[in-house]
Every structure is written in C-alpha cells, then in structure tokens.
Amino acid sequence: HRESKHWAIERVVSMALIPALGLGCIYQYQFLLDNLVSALLTYHSYQGLCQVVTDYIHPIFLQKAARYLLMAVSFVVFFMLFVFNVTDVGVCVAARLFWKKLSINQNEEEFEE
C-alpha cells in the first residue's frame, strides 16, 4: 500500500512539472511560479535519487545514511533556488536565458563553418 501511494505521488509530481514548466516559460518573473517549479524539480530529483539509493546501496544503515544526506542536500538545493528566485531573475527566466545563449552559440558555430 505504501509503495502504491509513493508511486502515485511520483506520477503526480512528474505530471505537474509539465504545465508548471510551460507556464514558467509563458509567464516570466512570477515569484510563486518560480518557487513551484523549484519545489517540483527538487522533489522530483530527490525521489529519483532515492530510488538509486534503494537499488544500489545494500547495507540498510548505509542506505538510511545516504537518504538522510540526500534529504539534507535537497533542502539546501531548494533553499538556494529560493534565494535565487528572490534575489535574481528566477529559475524560469534563467532557464530561458540559458537556452537562448546556447542557441546563439550554436548558430555562431554553424556560421563559422
């Protein structure tokens, strides 16, 4: 029963990421939306890495230690993203600027060839 609830939460978070990322691209500089995307991405990554820990770390005491470390790192990552959302452009605009810069660099490389 616990596994099915866990599975359902993973799927809901994954499905929620799709419209959240889309809305983040459309509505820029939205503090709540940036933090929602940050929380969903952090939790989605946390859940995925928890599965890696479960699958590949076998002694139970090491598995528990790895999960606590992963939880601590996830909280730090979310806090850092929150600070970035407060003090800078936010994760959605930053992602958009990153992809824009990446495409400009690719176009320059194609032009030089």
N, C-alpha and C. Protein backbone atom coordinates (compact mmCIF):
# COMPACT_ATOMS: atom_id res chain seq x y z
N HIS A 1 0.82 -1.19 0.00
CA HIS A 1 0.00 0.00 0.00
C HIS A 1 0.87 1.26 0.00
N ARG A 2 1.93 1.25 0.79
CA ARG A 2 2.81 2.41 0.86
C ARG A 2 3.50 2.66 -0.48
N GLU A 3 3.90 1.57 -1.16
CA GLU A 3 4.57 1.72 -2.44
C GLU A 3 3.64 2.30 -3.51
N SER A 4 2.36 1.90 -3.48
CA SER A 4 1.43 2.43 -4.48
C SER A 4 1.17 3.92 -4.24
N LYS A 5 1.11 4.34 -2.97
CA LYS A 5 0.93 5.76 -2.67
C LYS A 5 2.17 6.55 -3.10
N HIS A 6 3.35 5.98 -2.84
CA HIS A 6 4.60 6.61 -3.24
C HIS A 6 4.66 6.73 -4.76
N TRP A 7 4.27 5.67 -5.46
CA TRP A 7 4.26 5.68 -6.92
C TRP A 7 3.31 6.75 -7.45
N ALA A 8 2.14 6.86 -6.84
CA ALA A 8 1.15 7.84 -7.27
C ALA A 8 1.67 9.27 -7.07
N ILE A 9 2.32 9.52 -5.94
CA ILE A 9 2.87 10.85 -5.68
C ILE A 9 3.95 11.18 -6.71
N GLU A 10 4.81 10.22 -7.03
CA GLU A 10 5.84 10.45 -8.05
C GLU A 10 5.22 10.83 -9.38
N ARG A 11 4.15 10.14 -9.76
CA ARG A 11 3.50 10.43 -11.04
C ARG A 11 2.82 11.79 -11.04
N VAL A 12 2.18 12.14 -9.94
CA VAL A 12 1.53 13.45 -9.85
C VAL A 12 2.56 14.57 -9.95
N VAL A 13 3.69 14.42 -9.26
CA VAL A 13 4.74 15.44 -9.32
C VAL A 13 5.30 15.53 -10.74
N SER A 14 5.53 14.39 -11.37
CA SER A 14 6.05 14.40 -12.75
C SER A 14 5.07 15.07 -13.71
N MET A 15 3.79 14.76 -13.56
CA MET A 15 2.80 15.38 -14.44
C MET A 15 2.62 16.86 -14.13
N ALA A 16 2.78 17.26 -12.89
CA ALA A 16 2.64 18.67 -12.54
C ALA A 16 3.80 19.50 -13.08
N LEU A 17 4.94 18.87 -13.29
CA LEU A 17 6.09 19.59 -13.83
C LEU A 17 5.83 20.11 -15.24
N ILE A 18 5.09 19.36 -16.03
CA ILE A 18 4.87 19.73 -17.43
C ILE A 18 4.15 21.08 -17.55
N PRO A 19 2.96 21.24 -16.95
CA PRO A 19 2.33 22.57 -17.07
C PRO A 19 3.08 23.65 -16.29
N ALA A 20 3.72 23.30 -15.18
CA ALA A 20 4.45 24.31 -14.41
C ALA A 20 5.60 24.87 -15.23
N LEU A 21 6.33 24.01 -15.92
CA LEU A 21 7.43 24.49 -16.76
C LEU A 21 6.90 25.30 -17.95
N GLY A 22 5.81 24.84 -18.52
CA GLY A 22 5.21 25.60 -19.63
C GLY A 22 4.74 26.98 -19.20
N LEU A 23 4.04 27.03 -18.07
CA LEU A 23 3.59 28.33 -17.55
C LEU A 23 4.77 29.21 -17.17
N GLY A 24 5.84 28.59 -16.67
CA GLY A 24 7.03 29.36 -16.33
C GLY A 24 7.67 30.02 -17.53
N CYS A 25 7.57 29.37 -18.69
CA CYS A 25 8.10 29.96 -19.92
C CYS A 25 7.20 31.08 -20.43
N ILE A 26 5.91 30.93 -20.22
CA ILE A 26 4.96 31.93 -20.71
C ILE A 26 4.91 33.15 -19.79
N TYR A 27 4.73 32.91 -18.50
CA TYR A 27 4.59 34.00 -17.53
C TYR A 27 5.91 34.15 -16.77
N GLN A 28 6.73 35.05 -17.23
CA GLN A 28 8.04 35.24 -16.62
C GLN A 28 7.95 36.14 -15.40
N TYR A 29 8.95 36.03 -14.56
CA TYR A 29 9.08 36.85 -13.35
C TYR A 29 7.91 36.67 -12.40
N GLN A 30 7.41 35.46 -12.28
CA GLN A 30 6.33 35.14 -11.34
C GLN A 30 6.94 34.39 -10.16
N PHE A 31 7.00 35.05 -9.03
CA PHE A 31 7.68 34.51 -7.85
C PHE A 31 7.10 33.16 -7.42
N LEU A 32 5.77 33.07 -7.33
CA LEU A 32 5.15 31.83 -6.89
C LEU A 32 5.38 30.70 -7.89
N LEU A 33 5.30 31.01 -9.16
CA LEU A 33 5.52 30.00 -10.19
C LEU A 33 6.98 29.52 -10.19
N ASP A 34 7.91 30.44 -10.02
CA ASP A 34 9.33 30.06 -9.94
C ASP A 34 9.57 29.14 -8.75
N ASN A 35 8.96 29.44 -7.63
CA ASN A 35 9.14 28.59 -6.45
C ASN A 35 8.42 27.26 -6.58
N LEU A 36 7.29 27.24 -7.26
CA LEU A 36 6.61 25.97 -7.53
C LEU A 36 7.48 25.07 -8.41
N VAL A 37 8.03 25.64 -9.47
CA VAL A 37 8.93 24.88 -10.35
C VAL A 37 10.15 24.40 -9.57
N SER A 38 10.71 25.26 -8.74
CA SER A 38 11.87 24.87 -7.92
C SER A 38 11.53 23.71 -6.99
N ALA A 39 10.39 23.79 -6.34
CA ALA A 39 9.98 22.74 -5.41
C ALA A 39 9.71 21.43 -6.15
N LEU A 40 9.01 21.51 -7.26
CA LEU A 40 8.71 20.29 -8.02
C LEU A 40 9.98 19.64 -8.56
N LEU A 41 10.88 20.45 -9.11
CA LEU A 41 12.14 19.89 -9.64
C LEU A 41 12.99 19.28 -8.54
N THR A 42 13.05 19.95 -7.41
CA THR A 42 13.85 19.43 -6.29
C THR A 42 13.25 18.13 -5.78
N TYR A 43 11.94 18.09 -5.59
CA TYR A 43 11.30 16.88 -5.09
C TYR A 43 11.40 15.74 -6.10
N HIS A 44 11.21 16.05 -7.37
CA HIS A 44 11.32 15.05 -8.43
C HIS A 44 12.73 14.44 -8.45
N SER A 45 13.74 15.29 -8.34
CA SER A 45 15.13 14.82 -8.30
C SER A 45 15.38 13.99 -7.05
N TYR A 46 14.86 14.45 -5.92
CA TYR A 46 15.02 13.73 -4.66
C TYR A 46 14.42 12.32 -4.77
N GLN A 47 13.21 12.22 -5.30
CA GLN A 47 12.57 10.92 -5.42
C GLN A 47 13.35 9.99 -6.35
N GLY A 48 13.84 10.52 -7.45
CA GLY A 48 14.62 9.71 -8.37
C GLY A 48 15.91 9.22 -7.75
N LEU A 49 16.60 10.10 -7.03
CA LEU A 49 17.85 9.69 -6.38
C LEU A 49 17.60 8.75 -5.21
N CYS A 50 16.44 8.86 -4.56
CA CYS A 50 16.09 7.89 -3.51
C CYS A 50 15.98 6.49 -4.10
N GLN A 51 15.44 6.39 -5.30
CA GLN A 51 15.36 5.08 -5.96
C GLN A 51 16.74 4.53 -6.27
N VAL A 52 17.66 5.40 -6.68
CA VAL A 52 19.03 4.97 -6.93
C VAL A 52 19.66 4.44 -5.63
N VAL A 53 19.45 5.17 -4.54
CA VAL A 53 19.97 4.73 -3.24
C VAL A 53 19.39 3.38 -2.87
N THR A 54 18.07 3.21 -3.03
CA THR A 54 17.42 1.95 -2.69
C THR A 54 17.95 0.80 -3.54
N ASP A 55 18.17 1.06 -4.82
CA ASP A 55 18.60 -0.01 -5.73
C ASP A 55 20.07 -0.39 -5.58
N TYR A 56 20.93 0.57 -5.24
CA TYR A 56 22.36 0.30 -5.33
C TYR A 56 23.13 0.34 -4.00
N ILE A 57 22.51 0.80 -2.93
CA ILE A 57 23.19 0.78 -1.63
C ILE A 57 22.47 -0.27 -0.78
N HIS A 58 23.18 -1.36 -0.47
CA HIS A 58 22.50 -2.50 0.13
C HIS A 58 22.55 -2.57 1.65
N PRO A 59 23.63 -2.32 2.32
CA PRO A 59 23.53 -2.36 3.79
C PRO A 59 22.52 -1.30 4.26
N ILE A 60 21.58 -1.71 5.08
CA ILE A 60 20.47 -0.84 5.47
C ILE A 60 20.94 0.42 6.20
N PHE A 61 21.99 0.31 7.02
CA PHE A 61 22.45 1.50 7.74
C PHE A 61 23.08 2.50 6.77
N LEU A 62 23.76 2.03 5.72
CA LEU A 62 24.31 2.95 4.71
C LEU A 62 23.19 3.56 3.87
N GLN A 63 22.17 2.77 3.62
CA GLN A 63 21.02 3.27 2.86
C GLN A 63 20.32 4.39 3.61
N LYS A 64 20.12 4.19 4.92
CA LYS A 64 19.49 5.24 5.73
C LYS A 64 20.36 6.49 5.78
N ALA A 65 21.66 6.31 5.95
CA ALA A 65 22.58 7.46 5.99
C ALA A 65 22.57 8.20 4.66
N ALA A 66 22.55 7.46 3.56
CA ALA A 66 22.53 8.09 2.23
C ALA A 66 21.23 8.86 2.02
N ARG A 67 20.12 8.31 2.50
CA ARG A 67 18.85 9.02 2.35
C ARG A 67 18.81 10.30 3.17
N TYR A 68 19.35 10.26 4.39
CA TYR A 68 19.41 11.48 5.21
C TYR A 68 20.31 12.53 4.56
N LEU A 69 21.43 12.08 4.01
CA LEU A 69 22.32 13.01 3.30
C LEU A 69 21.63 13.59 2.08
N LEU A 70 20.94 12.75 1.34
CA LEU A 70 20.21 13.21 0.17
C LEU A 70 19.12 14.20 0.55
N MET A 71 18.43 13.95 1.66
CA MET A 71 17.40 14.88 2.11
C MET A 71 18.01 16.23 2.49
N ALA A 72 19.13 16.20 3.16
CA ALA A 72 19.81 17.44 3.55
C ALA A 72 20.26 18.21 2.31
N VAL A 73 20.84 17.52 1.35
CA VAL A 73 21.29 18.17 0.12
C VAL A 73 20.09 18.75 -0.64
N SER A 74 18.98 18.03 -0.65
CA SER A 74 17.78 18.52 -1.34
C SER A 74 17.25 19.79 -0.69
N PHE A 75 17.24 19.84 0.63
CA PHE A 75 16.81 21.06 1.32
C PHE A 75 17.74 22.23 0.99
N VAL A 76 19.02 21.98 0.96
CA VAL A 76 19.98 23.04 0.63
C VAL A 76 19.76 23.52 -0.81
N VAL A 77 19.56 22.59 -1.72
CA VAL A 77 19.33 22.96 -3.12
C VAL A 77 18.05 23.79 -3.24
N PHE A 78 16.98 23.36 -2.59
CA PHE A 78 15.74 24.14 -2.66
C PHE A 78 15.93 25.53 -2.05
N PHE A 79 16.63 25.60 -0.93
CA PHE A 79 16.88 26.90 -0.31
C PHE A 79 17.68 27.80 -1.25
N MET A 80 18.68 27.24 -1.90
CA MET A 80 19.49 28.03 -2.84
C MET A 80 18.65 28.50 -4.03
N LEU A 81 17.77 27.65 -4.52
CA LEU A 81 16.87 28.05 -5.61
C LEU A 81 15.90 29.13 -5.14
N PHE A 82 15.41 29.01 -3.92
CA PHE A 82 14.53 30.03 -3.35
C PHE A 82 15.26 31.38 -3.28
N VAL A 83 16.48 31.36 -2.79
CA VAL A 83 17.26 32.60 -2.71
C VAL A 83 17.49 33.17 -4.11
N PHE A 84 17.77 32.30 -5.07
CA PHE A 84 17.94 32.75 -6.45
C PHE A 84 16.65 33.38 -6.98
N ASN A 85 15.52 32.78 -6.65
CA ASN A 85 14.23 33.34 -7.09
C ASN A 85 13.95 34.70 -6.46
N VAL A 86 14.40 34.89 -5.23
CA VAL A 86 14.17 36.15 -4.53
C VAL A 86 15.12 37.24 -5.01
N THR A 87 16.38 36.89 -5.17
CA THR A 87 17.41 37.90 -5.42
C THR A 87 17.77 38.10 -6.89
N ASP A 88 17.33 37.20 -7.76
CA ASP A 88 17.71 37.31 -9.17
C ASP A 88 16.47 37.14 -10.04
N VAL A 89 16.64 36.69 -11.27
CA VAL A 89 15.53 36.64 -12.23
C VAL A 89 14.58 35.48 -12.01
N GLY A 90 14.99 34.46 -11.27
CA GLY A 90 14.16 33.28 -11.05
C GLY A 90 14.55 32.15 -11.98
N VAL A 91 14.17 30.94 -11.62
CA VAL A 91 14.63 29.77 -12.37
C VAL A 91 14.05 29.69 -13.77
N CYS A 92 12.81 30.11 -13.96
CA CYS A 92 12.20 30.02 -15.29
C CYS A 92 12.88 30.96 -16.28
N VAL A 93 13.10 32.19 -15.88
CA VAL A 93 13.78 33.14 -16.76
C VAL A 93 15.24 32.72 -16.96
N ALA A 94 15.89 32.23 -15.91
CA ALA A 94 17.27 31.78 -16.04
C ALA A 94 17.38 30.63 -17.05
N ALA A 95 16.44 29.70 -17.02
CA ALA A 95 16.45 28.59 -17.98
C ALA A 95 16.24 29.11 -19.40
N ARG A 96 15.34 30.06 -19.53
CA ARG A 96 15.08 30.64 -20.85
C ARG A 96 16.32 31.37 -21.38
N LEU A 97 16.98 32.14 -20.53
CA LEU A 97 18.21 32.85 -20.93
C LEU A 97 19.32 31.86 -21.28
N PHE A 98 19.42 30.77 -20.52
CA PHE A 98 20.43 29.75 -20.79
C PHE A 98 20.22 29.13 -22.17
N TRP A 99 18.97 28.74 -22.49
CA TRP A 99 18.69 28.13 -23.78
C TRP A 99 18.89 29.13 -24.92
N LYS A 100 18.57 30.38 -24.68
CA LYS A 100 18.78 31.41 -25.70
C LYS A 100 20.26 31.57 -25.98
N LYS A 101 21.07 31.64 -24.94
CA LYS A 101 22.52 31.76 -25.09
C LYS A 101 23.09 30.54 -25.78
N LEU A 102 22.59 29.37 -25.43
CA LEU A 102 23.05 28.12 -26.03
C LEU A 102 22.75 28.10 -27.52
N SER A 103 21.57 28.53 -27.91
CA SER A 103 21.21 28.53 -29.34
C SER A 103 22.00 29.57 -30.12
N ILE A 104 22.31 30.70 -29.48
CA ILE A 104 23.13 31.72 -30.15
C ILE A 104 24.53 31.17 -30.40
N ASN A 105 25.10 30.49 -29.42
CA ASN A 105 26.44 29.90 -29.58
C ASN A 105 26.44 28.85 -30.68
N GLN A 106 25.40 28.04 -30.78
CA GLN A 106 25.33 27.03 -31.82
C GLN A 106 25.20 27.67 -33.19
N ASN A 107 24.43 28.74 -33.30
CA ASN A 107 24.29 29.44 -34.58
C ASN A 107 25.61 30.07 -35.00
N GLU A 108 26.37 30.62 -34.06
CA GLU A 108 27.68 31.20 -34.39
C GLU A 108 28.64 30.13 -34.88
N GLU A 109 28.62 28.96 -34.27
CA GLU A 109 29.49 27.86 -34.70
C GLU A 109 29.13 27.41 -36.10
N GLU A 110 27.85 27.33 -36.41
CA GLU A 110 27.42 26.93 -37.76
C GLU A 110 27.83 27.98 -38.78
N PHE A 111 27.77 29.25 -38.41
CA PHE A 111 28.14 30.34 -39.31
C PHE A 111 29.62 30.31 -39.63
N GLU A 112 30.45 29.97 -38.63
CA GLU A 112 31.89 29.94 -38.83
C GLU A 112 32.34 28.81 -39.73
N GLU A 113 31.57 27.74 -39.82
CA GLU A 113 31.96 26.58 -40.64
C GLU A 113 31.69 26.83 -42.05
